[in-house]
Every structure is written in structure tokens, then in C-alpha cells.
Amino acid sequence: MSLISKIIKIAIKLTPSALIIWAGNFVLKGIAQLTEFSFDLDARKVHVQTRLYGEVDTIDVWLEDFAVVTDGETYEFMIKQAKSDRPWLTNILALVVGKAWKIPAIPQLAPYLGLVAELLKAEEVPV
């Protein structure tokens, strides 16, 4: 792992959840409100709790074992496990789990995709 990716990994670990929730709520104003957020890059786990605008109850979503894979030229994002406390949302998530989603080649992001792929590299399973 490169020095830059190690520094970014440390920065991600040190970023307070409150800051992420604040930024998320700023972007999602009028759509949803994030009430809880946790992200563990090493364990590849994300938990988000949100309340849709005008709703009383919150919705929980858990993503596990996600990665960016590359063949050297193209990049794809994969999620291996996803669930929610809402059956309808768990059914929607089941449609995207286990599939490779091609990351579009956006010229402004191209220089950073290698770094993202390094940070979210798929875990090697020992044989």
C-alpha cells in the first residue's frame, strides 16, 4: 500500500461521524436527514441511518464487503452484502449485490481512480 493511501486511510479513520452527518445533511436537505453513520474501511462495513423528509421512522442500511476491482484499464465497484430494516429496500439491494458496476471514465476523476482502487482493493481469500 502506498504512503498516500495509508495517509488517506488514517484520515478516514479520524474523520468524526458528526462531520460526515453534517455534510450529508447539508447535501440532502429537503430529501432526507442522516441520523447515524459509521464506516469501517478495514472491515469494509458501512451503516447508515436516515429519515426521509416528512417521515417519522428512520431507515437503517448496512453494506458489507465492498470493493473496487480493476483490470488495469477499467474499474468496477462491487458490494457482496447489503441489507436494510425495510424488506422492500433489502429486496432492492439484492438486485445490486454481487454484481460488478462499471465506474464511468470521467476525465476529472481518472487520476484518482487508481488510489480509490488501492484503498478499496478486494480482499484476497487464502486458499
Protein backbone atom coordinates (compact mmCIF):
# COMPACT_ATOMS: atom_id res chain seq x y z
CA MET A 1 0.00 0.00 0.00
CA SER A 2 1.37 3.39 -0.96
CA LEU A 3 2.15 6.14 1.52
CA ILE A 4 -0.63 8.35 0.13
CA SER A 5 -3.24 5.62 0.56
CA LYS A 6 -2.03 4.97 4.12
CA ILE A 7 -2.41 8.68 4.95
CA ILE A 8 -5.90 8.77 3.41
CA LYS A 9 -6.86 5.66 5.36
CA ILE A 10 -5.77 7.33 8.60
CA ALA A 11 -7.68 10.50 7.68
CA ILE A 12 -10.83 8.45 7.02
CA LYS A 13 -10.50 6.76 10.41
CA LEU A 14 -10.01 10.10 12.18
CA THR A 15 -12.91 11.90 10.46
CA PRO A 16 -15.66 12.30 13.06
CA SER A 17 -19.05 10.84 12.17
CA ALA A 18 -20.65 14.12 13.22
CA LEU A 19 -18.81 15.92 10.41
CA ILE A 20 -19.98 13.35 7.85
CA ILE A 21 -23.56 13.56 9.13
CA TRP A 22 -23.45 17.38 8.96
CA ALA A 23 -22.11 17.37 5.39
CA GLY A 24 -24.58 14.68 4.33
CA ASN A 25 -27.49 16.61 5.81
CA PHE A 26 -26.33 19.75 4.02
CA VAL A 27 -26.39 17.92 0.67
CA LEU A 28 -29.63 16.02 1.38
CA LYS A 29 -31.58 18.99 2.76
CA GLY A 30 -35.26 18.62 1.90
CA ILE A 31 -34.79 14.96 0.87
CA ALA A 32 -33.53 13.08 3.92
CA GLN A 33 -31.74 13.54 7.21
CA LEU A 34 -28.83 11.33 8.25
CA THR A 35 -29.17 10.42 11.90
CA GLU A 36 -26.33 7.91 12.22
CA PHE A 37 -23.26 6.97 10.17
CA SER A 38 -20.41 4.54 10.72
CA PHE A 39 -17.73 3.47 8.26
CA ASP A 40 -15.03 0.89 8.90
CA LEU A 41 -12.64 0.79 5.95
CA ASP A 42 -10.63 -2.16 7.28
CA ALA A 43 -13.69 -4.36 7.90
CA ARG A 44 -15.43 -2.95 4.79
CA LYS A 45 -18.63 -2.12 6.67
CA VAL A 46 -20.94 0.88 6.39
CA HIS A 47 -24.04 1.59 8.46
CA VAL A 48 -26.34 4.49 7.63
CA GLN A 49 -29.48 5.51 9.44
CA THR A 50 -31.63 8.12 7.72
CA ARG A 51 -35.05 9.66 7.99
CA LEU A 52 -36.75 10.55 4.73
CA TYR A 53 -38.21 14.06 4.58
CA GLY A 54 -41.72 14.07 6.06
CA GLU A 55 -41.42 10.60 7.59
CA VAL A 56 -41.39 9.73 11.29
CA ASP A 57 -39.39 6.48 11.30
CA THR A 58 -35.76 6.01 10.34
CA ILE A 59 -34.37 3.53 7.82
CA ASP A 60 -31.20 1.54 8.53
CA VAL A 61 -28.92 0.27 5.76
CA TRP A 62 -25.85 -1.96 6.20
CA LEU A 63 -23.28 -2.61 3.46
CA GLU A 64 -20.52 -5.16 3.94
CA ASP A 65 -17.60 -6.43 1.94
CA PHE A 66 -17.43 -3.91 -0.88
CA ALA A 67 -14.51 -3.31 -3.21
CA VAL A 68 -13.24 -1.62 -6.34
CA VAL A 69 -11.71 -4.07 -8.79
CA THR A 70 -9.65 -3.21 -11.83
CA ASP A 71 -8.10 -4.92 -14.81
CA GLY A 72 -5.66 -2.05 -15.29
CA GLU A 73 -7.86 -0.01 -17.61
CA THR A 74 -11.43 -0.18 -16.27
CA TYR A 75 -12.73 0.00 -12.72
CA GLU A 76 -15.77 -1.73 -11.23
CA PHE A 77 -17.49 -1.40 -7.86
CA MET A 78 -18.88 -4.48 -6.11
CA ILE A 79 -20.98 -4.97 -2.99
CA LYS A 80 -21.10 -8.50 -1.61
CA GLN A 81 -23.64 -7.98 1.20
CA ALA A 82 -26.32 -5.37 1.79
CA LYS A 83 -29.45 -5.30 3.92
CA SER A 84 -31.94 -2.92 5.46
CA ASP A 85 -34.51 -2.96 8.22
CA ARG A 86 -37.14 -2.47 5.49
CA PRO A 87 -37.93 -5.64 3.49
CA TRP A 88 -38.68 -3.67 0.32
CA LEU A 89 -35.28 -1.96 0.47
CA THR A 90 -33.50 -5.26 1.20
CA ASN A 91 -35.17 -6.65 -1.95
CA ILE A 92 -33.92 -3.68 -3.99
CA LEU A 93 -30.41 -4.09 -2.57
CA ALA A 94 -30.48 -7.78 -3.51
CA LEU A 95 -30.66 -6.69 -7.15
CA VAL A 96 -27.28 -4.91 -6.94
CA VAL A 97 -25.41 -7.24 -4.57
CA GLY A 98 -22.80 -9.46 -6.19
CA LYS A 99 -22.73 -7.56 -9.47
CA ALA A 100 -19.83 -5.55 -10.80
CA TRP A 101 -20.86 -1.97 -11.60
CA LYS A 102 -18.58 -0.24 -14.07
CA ILE A 103 -17.28 3.10 -12.84
CA PRO A 104 -17.60 5.60 -15.71
CA ALA A 105 -14.37 7.06 -17.05
CA ILE A 106 -14.82 10.69 -16.04
CA PRO A 107 -11.71 12.64 -17.11
CA GLN A 108 -11.63 14.76 -13.92
CA LEU A 109 -11.67 11.63 -11.73
CA ALA A 110 -9.36 9.44 -13.83
CA PRO A 111 -6.16 10.38 -11.95
CA TYR A 112 -7.75 9.33 -8.62
CA LEU A 113 -9.37 6.02 -9.58
CA GLY A 114 -6.14 4.10 -9.03
CA LEU A 115 -5.91 5.46 -5.49
CA VAL A 116 -9.57 4.60 -4.79
CA ALA A 117 -8.99 1.10 -6.17
CA GLU A 118 -5.97 0.74 -3.87
CA LEU A 119 -7.99 1.87 -0.83
CA LEU A 120 -10.92 -0.40 -1.65
CA LYS A 121 -8.97 -3.32 -3.09
CA ALA A 122 -10.78 -6.64 -2.88
CA GLU A 123 -9.64 -8.83 -0.01
CA GLU A 124 -7.67 -11.87 -1.11
CA VAL A 125 -9.16 -15.10 0.17
CA PRO A 126 -6.47 -17.58 1.31
CA VAL A 127 -6.75 -20.99 -0.31
